[in-house]
Amino acid sequence: MTGQHEDHEHSMTPWPMHGGQLSRLAQLFPDAPRPWIDLSTGINPHAYPYTPFDAALLSRLPDPTEEQALREAAACAYGVSARYVLSGPGSQALIGLLPVMLQHLMTLSRLRILTPTYSGHEAAWRAAGVNVESLPHGACIPIPSRNTVTIICTPNNPTGHVLSLGEIESLAESHARMGGLVIVDEAYADFQMQGAARLLPHPGLIICRSLGKAYGLAGLRVGFLLGSHPVLHDMRAALGPWSVGTLGCHIGREALLDVMWRDRMALRLEADSHDLRRVVVAAGLDFVGGTTLFSLFRSPRAVAIAGKLAQAGLLVRQFDWDDALLRFGMPRDEATLARIDMALRT
């Protein structure tokens, strides 16, 4: 189960298991070569090359038309009407608000999450006072009882497991008939051919999308919920008039509309992920699954290998629920790949 909030709660190691805290790791390995390279996330290392912006954008609040233009760009990118798009300050903020707002509209009987997966969903629902049930990825999903919410990440982080559009549609139908809802997290779906948004409008389906991962713009904090469920209207009201900053509106819109960049990047990442897997498998680790933005490997020596990589200034992701797994994000260049290869062979 992955997420930045886990660093302090679940770390099996004295160093951070996720990105954003490389300074802690640098203190533990002062002799590691610089610069430190963070391979613990699934963020595209090739950030979208947005047009340089006028600094004046930073000095004013966004106009409503700018956020509307962002929603329209998201609608175009995801293949859905703009009236079914809710924008917000990062998908994690929307994931955190959703359980609170949804419980104002329905009496929830069961909350199920396909696991192992991104732990931000579980944390958000537990914080809202909801008991969470786990269902294993790949197993048959039981027919929902009344007022059941089921959360599915596809492609799944960290395993890469994918549900087909037909499977998602069947689940959404069965949940809707029982007054329930399926929440599909497609944070890593940008380079897929099909997204679940084509099933909208649907009373039993809400979809989470993230701008930061595929476009390498995680610091921009822009995310979306897609759906026709009335909870999106309530969340829009709760977020207020400036849920996305002016810069996020402008850069996000430009990135989402750049289909040519997205197509070229999909091909580049596919080739890069093949190269990464070749290097890591050659070092004796078994490839388990992943996407073009991360790869999951298994080894009985995973903890020792993570330490060896740290000595080489490389941070990879470990998991408290299986200490034989390591997730590698994408290296940004040939030099980084060579550094990984050398560290694994030393």
Protein backbone atom coordinates (compact mmCIF):
# COMPACT_ATOMS: atom_id res chain seq x y z
CA MET A 1 0.00 0.00 0.00
CA THR A 2 1.67 3.13 -1.16
CA GLY A 3 1.45 6.76 -0.13
CA GLN A 4 3.60 9.53 1.26
CA HIS A 5 1.80 9.52 4.61
CA GLU A 6 3.18 6.01 5.23
CA ASP A 7 6.78 7.13 5.63
CA HIS A 8 6.61 7.51 9.40
CA GLU A 9 3.93 4.89 10.14
CA HIS A 10 5.06 1.84 8.23
CA SER A 11 8.71 2.18 7.28
CA MET A 12 10.66 -1.05 7.66
CA THR A 13 13.89 0.84 7.19
CA PRO A 14 15.57 3.86 8.79
CA TRP A 15 15.21 5.81 5.55
CA PRO A 16 12.09 7.14 3.80
CA MET A 17 10.18 4.61 1.74
CA HIS A 18 8.70 7.23 -0.57
CA GLY A 19 9.78 10.40 -2.33
CA GLY A 20 10.10 13.93 -1.09
CA GLN A 21 12.40 13.31 1.89
CA LEU A 22 15.78 12.63 0.34
CA SER A 23 17.45 14.84 2.94
CA ARG A 24 16.79 12.11 5.55
CA LEU A 25 18.46 9.52 3.37
CA ALA A 26 21.42 11.79 2.67
CA GLN A 27 22.10 12.02 6.40
CA LEU A 28 22.24 8.23 6.70
CA PHE A 29 24.45 7.79 3.63
CA PRO A 30 26.74 10.84 3.62
CA ASP A 31 29.23 9.20 1.26
CA ALA A 32 26.66 8.32 -1.42
CA PRO A 33 27.31 9.96 -4.79
CA ARG A 34 25.39 13.12 -5.63
CA PRO A 35 22.91 14.01 -6.81
CA TRP A 36 20.50 11.70 -5.03
CA ILE A 37 18.02 10.18 -7.46
CA ASP A 38 14.49 9.44 -6.29
CA LEU A 39 13.17 6.28 -7.96
CA SER A 40 10.57 5.64 -5.23
CA THR A 41 7.67 7.39 -6.98
CA GLY A 42 5.70 6.73 -10.14
CA ILE A 43 6.13 10.28 -11.40
CA ASN A 44 7.28 10.77 -14.98
CA PRO A 45 10.90 12.02 -14.84
CA HIS A 46 10.35 13.84 -18.15
CA ALA A 47 8.17 16.74 -17.09
CA TYR A 48 5.85 18.33 -19.60
CA PRO A 49 7.71 21.25 -21.28
CA TYR A 50 5.10 23.91 -20.61
CA THR A 51 5.33 27.36 -22.15
CA PRO A 52 7.20 29.82 -19.87
CA PHE A 53 4.57 31.75 -17.95
CA ASP A 54 4.16 35.40 -17.11
CA ALA A 55 5.12 35.94 -13.45
CA ALA A 56 1.98 38.06 -13.14
CA LEU A 57 -0.01 34.81 -13.01
CA LEU A 58 1.38 34.25 -9.52
CA SER A 59 0.05 37.52 -8.20
CA ARG A 60 -3.67 37.03 -8.83
CA LEU A 61 -6.47 34.60 -8.12
CA PRO A 62 -7.72 32.46 -11.00
CA ASP A 63 -10.71 33.70 -12.95
CA PRO A 64 -13.63 31.23 -13.10
CA THR A 65 -13.19 31.02 -16.86
CA GLU A 66 -9.62 29.76 -16.39
CA GLU A 67 -10.69 26.84 -14.24
CA GLN A 68 -13.53 26.14 -16.64
CA ALA A 69 -10.97 26.00 -19.46
CA LEU A 70 -8.96 23.51 -17.38
CA ARG A 71 -12.03 21.32 -16.89
CA GLU A 72 -12.78 21.45 -20.61
CA ALA A 73 -9.21 20.39 -21.40
CA ALA A 74 -9.53 17.50 -18.94
CA ALA A 75 -12.83 16.54 -20.53
CA CYS A 76 -11.15 16.47 -23.93
CA ALA A 77 -8.20 14.41 -22.66
CA TYR A 78 -10.32 11.88 -20.78
CA GLY A 79 -13.19 11.63 -23.26
CA VAL A 80 -16.05 12.94 -21.16
CA SER A 81 -18.34 15.97 -21.04
CA ALA A 82 -16.93 18.90 -19.07
CA ARG A 83 -20.04 18.94 -16.87
CA TYR A 84 -18.83 15.66 -15.37
CA VAL A 85 -15.39 17.00 -14.41
CA LEU A 86 -14.50 18.24 -10.92
CA SER A 87 -11.06 19.85 -10.61
CA GLY A 88 -9.18 20.22 -7.36
CA PRO A 89 -5.80 20.84 -5.71
CA GLY A 90 -4.40 17.38 -6.45
CA SER A 91 -6.19 14.03 -6.58
CA GLN A 92 -5.17 13.24 -2.98
CA ALA A 93 -7.15 16.23 -1.68
CA LEU A 94 -10.20 15.03 -3.61
CA ILE A 95 -9.72 11.47 -2.34
CA GLY A 96 -9.63 12.84 1.21
CA LEU A 97 -12.79 14.93 0.83
CA LEU A 98 -14.87 12.31 -0.99
CA PRO A 99 -15.65 10.02 2.01
CA VAL A 100 -16.88 12.93 4.11
CA MET A 101 -19.13 14.37 1.43
CA LEU A 102 -20.44 11.02 0.21
CA GLN A 103 -21.65 10.05 3.67
CA HIS A 104 -23.88 13.13 3.63
CA LEU A 105 -25.72 11.63 0.66
CA MET A 106 -25.89 7.91 1.42
CA THR A 107 -25.94 5.53 4.35
CA LEU A 108 -22.87 3.46 3.64
CA SER A 109 -23.10 -0.22 4.58
CA ARG A 110 -19.73 -1.53 3.31
CA LEU A 111 -16.50 -0.06 1.99
CA ARG A 112 -14.28 -2.42 0.01
CA ILE A 113 -10.85 -1.79 -1.51
CA LEU A 114 -8.97 -4.06 -3.90
CA THR A 115 -5.54 -4.50 -2.32
CA PRO A 116 -2.60 -4.21 -2.19
CA THR A 117 -2.87 -0.73 -3.60
CA TYR A 118 -2.37 2.97 -2.95
CA SER A 119 -3.09 3.40 0.77
CA GLY A 120 -4.38 6.98 0.50
CA HIS A 121 -7.87 5.64 -0.15
CA GLU A 122 -7.93 3.47 2.96
CA ALA A 123 -6.49 6.25 5.10
CA ALA A 124 -9.14 8.72 3.88
CA TRP A 125 -12.06 6.40 4.63
CA ARG A 126 -10.71 5.37 8.02
CA ALA A 127 -10.24 9.04 8.91
CA ALA A 128 -13.92 9.51 8.02
CA GLY A 129 -14.85 6.79 10.51
CA VAL A 130 -15.53 4.00 8.00
CA ASN A 131 -14.49 0.37 8.44
CA VAL A 132 -12.49 -0.84 5.44
CA GLU A 133 -12.63 -4.35 3.95
CA SER A 134 -9.85 -5.63 1.71
CA LEU A 135 -10.40 -7.70 -1.43
CA PRO A 136 -7.40 -9.24 -3.21
CA HIS A 137 -6.63 -8.02 -6.72
CA GLY A 138 -7.31 -10.69 -9.30
CA ALA A 139 -9.89 -12.56 -7.21
CA CYS A 140 -13.60 -12.69 -7.99
CA ILE A 141 -15.30 -9.58 -6.58
CA PRO A 142 -18.42 -10.57 -4.62
CA ILE A 143 -21.76 -9.07 -5.66
CA PRO A 144 -22.25 -5.93 -3.57
CA SER A 145 -24.82 -5.70 -0.82
CA ARG A 146 -26.95 -2.59 -0.54
CA ASN A 147 -25.12 0.79 -0.29
CA THR A 148 -21.68 -0.71 -0.91
CA VAL A 149 -18.74 1.36 -2.16
CA THR A 150 -15.88 -0.49 -3.85
CA ILE A 151 -12.56 1.19 -4.70
CA ILE A 152 -10.37 -0.08 -7.53
CA CYS A 153 -7.05 1.29 -8.77
CA THR A 154 -6.42 0.38 -12.41
CA PRO A 155 -3.68 0.18 -13.49
CA ASN A 156 -2.96 -0.75 -9.91
CA ASN A 157 -0.09 0.75 -7.95
CA PRO A 158 2.20 -1.08 -7.33
CA THR A 159 1.28 -4.34 -9.10
CA GLY A 160 0.13 -2.95 -12.47
CA HIS A 161 -3.02 -5.09 -12.37
CA VAL A 162 -5.66 -3.82 -14.84
CA LEU A 163 -9.41 -4.30 -14.99
CA SER A 164 -11.01 -4.26 -18.42
CA LEU A 165 -13.61 -1.70 -19.39
CA GLY A 166 -16.19 -4.48 -19.44
CA GLU A 167 -15.33 -5.53 -15.89
CA ILE A 168 -15.61 -1.96 -14.64
CA GLU A 169 -18.94 -1.48 -16.41
CA SER A 170 -20.32 -4.70 -14.91
CA LEU A 171 -19.23 -3.65 -11.42
CA ALA A 172 -20.69 -0.16 -11.83
CA GLU A 173 -24.02 -1.66 -12.95
CA SER A 174 -24.22 -4.09 -10.04
CA HIS A 175 -23.37 -1.38 -7.53
CA ALA A 176 -25.83 1.12 -8.99
CA ARG A 177 -28.66 -1.43 -8.76
CA MET A 178 -27.96 -1.71 -5.03
CA GLY A 179 -27.62 2.02 -4.39
CA GLY A 180 -23.85 1.78 -4.24
CA LEU A 181 -20.85 3.14 -6.07
CA VAL A 182 -17.58 2.07 -7.68
CA ILE A 183 -14.65 4.49 -7.36
CA VAL A 184 -11.99 3.84 -10.00
CA ASP A 185 -8.58 5.42 -9.49
CA GLU A 186 -6.93 5.89 -12.89
CA ALA A 187 -3.89 7.84 -11.71
CA TYR A 188 -1.67 5.77 -14.02
CA ALA A 189 -4.06 5.41 -16.96
CA ASP A 190 -2.91 8.34 -19.11
CA PHE A 191 -0.90 6.18 -21.49
CA GLN A 192 -3.62 3.54 -21.88
CA MET A 193 -5.89 3.34 -24.89
CA GLN A 194 -9.11 3.07 -22.87
CA GLY A 195 -10.29 4.87 -19.77
CA ALA A 196 -13.45 4.28 -17.77
CA ALA A 197 -14.66 7.82 -18.47
CA ARG A 198 -16.34 6.57 -21.64
CA LEU A 199 -18.86 4.83 -19.35
CA LEU A 200 -20.07 8.19 -18.01
CA PRO A 201 -22.64 9.40 -17.19
CA HIS A 202 -23.30 6.52 -14.83
CA PRO A 203 -24.98 6.63 -11.40
CA GLY A 204 -22.65 4.00 -9.98
CA LEU A 205 -19.25 5.28 -11.10
CA ILE A 206 -16.73 7.95 -10.03
CA ILE A 207 -13.25 8.13 -11.57
CA CYS A 208 -10.10 9.72 -10.08
CA ARG A 209 -7.50 11.19 -12.43
CA SER A 210 -4.14 12.77 -11.64
CA LEU A 211 -2.25 15.33 -13.70
CA GLY A 212 1.04 15.14 -11.81
CA LYS A 213 2.19 11.59 -12.50
CA ALA A 214 2.01 11.20 -16.28
CA TYR A 215 2.97 14.81 -16.97
CA GLY A 216 5.72 14.96 -14.34
CA LEU A 217 4.03 17.96 -12.70
CA ALA A 218 3.29 16.61 -9.23
CA GLY A 219 4.24 19.90 -7.59
CA LEU A 220 1.51 21.69 -9.52
CA ARG A 221 -1.17 19.88 -7.45
CA VAL A 222 -3.95 19.41 -9.99
CA GLY A 223 -6.34 16.47 -9.94
CA PHE A 224 -9.84 15.54 -11.07
CA LEU A 225 -12.88 13.49 -10.21
CA LEU A 226 -15.08 12.45 -13.12
CA GLY A 227 -18.70 11.44 -12.75
CA SER A 228 -22.37 12.34 -12.73
CA HIS A 229 -22.94 11.44 -9.07
CA PRO A 230 -24.39 14.37 -7.04
CA VAL A 231 -21.48 14.20 -4.59
CA LEU A 232 -19.29 15.95 -7.19
CA HIS A 233 -21.62 18.96 -7.11
CA ASP A 234 -21.41 19.08 -3.32
CA MET A 235 -17.63 18.75 -3.38
CA ARG A 236 -17.35 21.59 -5.88
CA ALA A 237 -19.28 23.81 -3.48
CA ALA A 238 -17.15 22.69 -0.53
CA LEU A 239 -13.88 23.41 -2.35
CA GLY A 240 -14.87 27.03 -2.98
CA PRO A 241 -14.18 29.32 -5.92
CA TRP A 242 -10.39 28.84 -6.22
CA SER A 243 -9.81 25.11 -5.93
CA VAL A 244 -6.98 25.22 -8.50
CA GLY A 245 -4.41 28.00 -8.64
CA THR A 246 -3.94 30.26 -11.63
CA LEU A 247 -0.70 28.55 -12.64
CA GLY A 248 -2.28 25.12 -12.36
CA CYS A 249 -5.14 26.19 -14.60
CA HIS A 250 -2.83 27.48 -17.33
CA ILE A 251 -0.14 24.79 -17.32
CA GLY A 252 -2.66 22.00 -16.72
CA ARG A 253 -4.78 23.09 -19.67
CA GLU A 254 -1.77 23.29 -21.99
CA ALA A 255 -0.53 19.84 -20.97
CA LEU A 256 -3.88 18.10 -21.23
CA LEU A 257 -4.51 19.43 -24.73
CA ASP A 258 -1.10 18.37 -26.06
CA VAL A 259 -2.05 15.01 -27.59
CA MET A 260 1.14 14.81 -29.67
CA TRP A 261 3.34 15.09 -26.57
CA ARG A 262 1.31 12.44 -24.78
CA ASP A 263 1.56 10.01 -27.69
CA ARG A 264 5.31 10.53 -28.05
CA MET A 265 5.84 10.18 -24.31
CA ALA A 266 3.91 6.90 -24.23
CA LEU A 267 6.34 5.42 -26.76
CA ARG A 268 9.38 6.81 -24.95
CA LEU A 269 8.31 5.44 -21.57
CA GLU A 270 7.49 2.05 -23.06
CA ALA A 271 11.04 1.80 -24.39
CA ASP A 272 12.56 3.14 -21.16
CA SER A 273 10.58 0.69 -19.00
CA HIS A 274 11.81 -2.19 -21.17
CA ASP A 275 15.40 -1.06 -20.64
CA LEU A 276 14.92 -0.74 -16.87
CA ARG A 277 13.40 -4.18 -16.56
CA ARG A 278 16.18 -5.71 -18.63
CA VAL A 279 18.83 -4.25 -16.30
CA VAL A 280 17.09 -5.21 -13.05
CA VAL A 281 16.15 -8.73 -14.18
CA ALA A 282 19.76 -9.28 -15.32
CA ALA A 283 20.79 -8.58 -11.72
CA GLY A 284 18.67 -11.49 -10.48
CA LEU A 285 15.37 -9.85 -9.52
CA ASP A 286 12.06 -11.14 -10.86
CA PHE A 287 9.73 -8.74 -12.66
CA VAL A 288 6.28 -8.86 -11.04
CA GLY A 289 4.30 -6.16 -12.86
CA GLY A 290 3.92 -2.45 -13.33
CA THR A 291 3.12 0.28 -15.82
CA THR A 292 5.25 2.47 -18.08
CA LEU A 293 5.81 4.74 -15.04
CA PHE A 294 7.03 2.11 -12.55
CA SER A 295 8.11 -1.52 -12.33
CA LEU A 296 7.72 -3.95 -9.43
CA PHE A 297 10.35 -6.62 -8.74
CA ARG A 298 10.71 -9.46 -6.27
CA SER A 299 13.83 -10.77 -4.57
CA PRO A 300 14.52 -12.52 -1.25
CA ARG A 301 17.34 -9.98 -0.87
CA ALA A 302 15.14 -6.93 -1.51
CA VAL A 303 15.97 -5.15 1.75
CA ALA A 304 19.72 -5.58 1.21
CA ILE A 305 19.38 -4.48 -2.41
CA ALA A 306 17.54 -1.33 -1.34
CA GLY A 307 20.43 -0.56 1.01
CA LYS A 308 22.96 -1.15 -1.74
CA LEU A 309 21.08 1.22 -4.03
CA ALA A 310 20.93 3.81 -1.26
CA GLN A 311 24.71 3.64 -0.94
CA ALA A 312 24.77 4.54 -4.64
CA GLY A 313 22.47 7.53 -4.06
CA LEU A 314 19.34 5.79 -5.40
CA LEU A 315 16.04 5.56 -3.50
CA VAL A 316 13.57 2.82 -4.43
CA ARG A 317 10.24 1.92 -2.83
CA GLN A 318 9.87 -0.84 -0.26
CA PHE A 319 6.65 -2.25 1.21
CA ASP A 320 5.82 -3.24 4.76
CA TRP A 321 3.30 -5.85 3.60
CA ASP A 322 5.93 -7.76 1.58
CA ASP A 323 9.62 -7.13 2.27
CA ALA A 324 10.65 -9.09 -0.84
CA LEU A 325 9.26 -6.39 -3.18
CA LEU A 326 10.92 -3.30 -4.62
CA ARG A 327 9.29 -0.75 -6.91
CA PHE A 328 11.46 1.25 -9.28
CA GLY A 329 10.27 4.49 -10.82
CA MET A 330 11.55 5.41 -14.26
CA PRO A 331 15.17 6.59 -14.65
CA ARG A 332 15.36 9.96 -16.33
CA ASP A 333 18.34 9.19 -18.60
CA GLU A 334 20.97 6.67 -19.66
CA ALA A 335 23.34 7.86 -16.93
CA THR A 336 20.77 7.01 -14.25
CA LEU A 337 20.15 3.60 -15.79
CA ALA A 338 23.90 2.95 -15.82
CA ARG A 339 24.09 3.98 -12.16
CA ILE A 340 21.34 1.47 -11.30
CA ASP A 341 23.11 -1.24 -13.26
CA MET A 342 26.44 -0.60 -11.54
CA ALA A 343 24.87 -0.54 -8.07
CA LEU A 344 23.04 -3.81 -8.63
CA ARG A 345 26.14 -5.56 -9.93
CA THR A 346 28.49 -4.35 -7.21
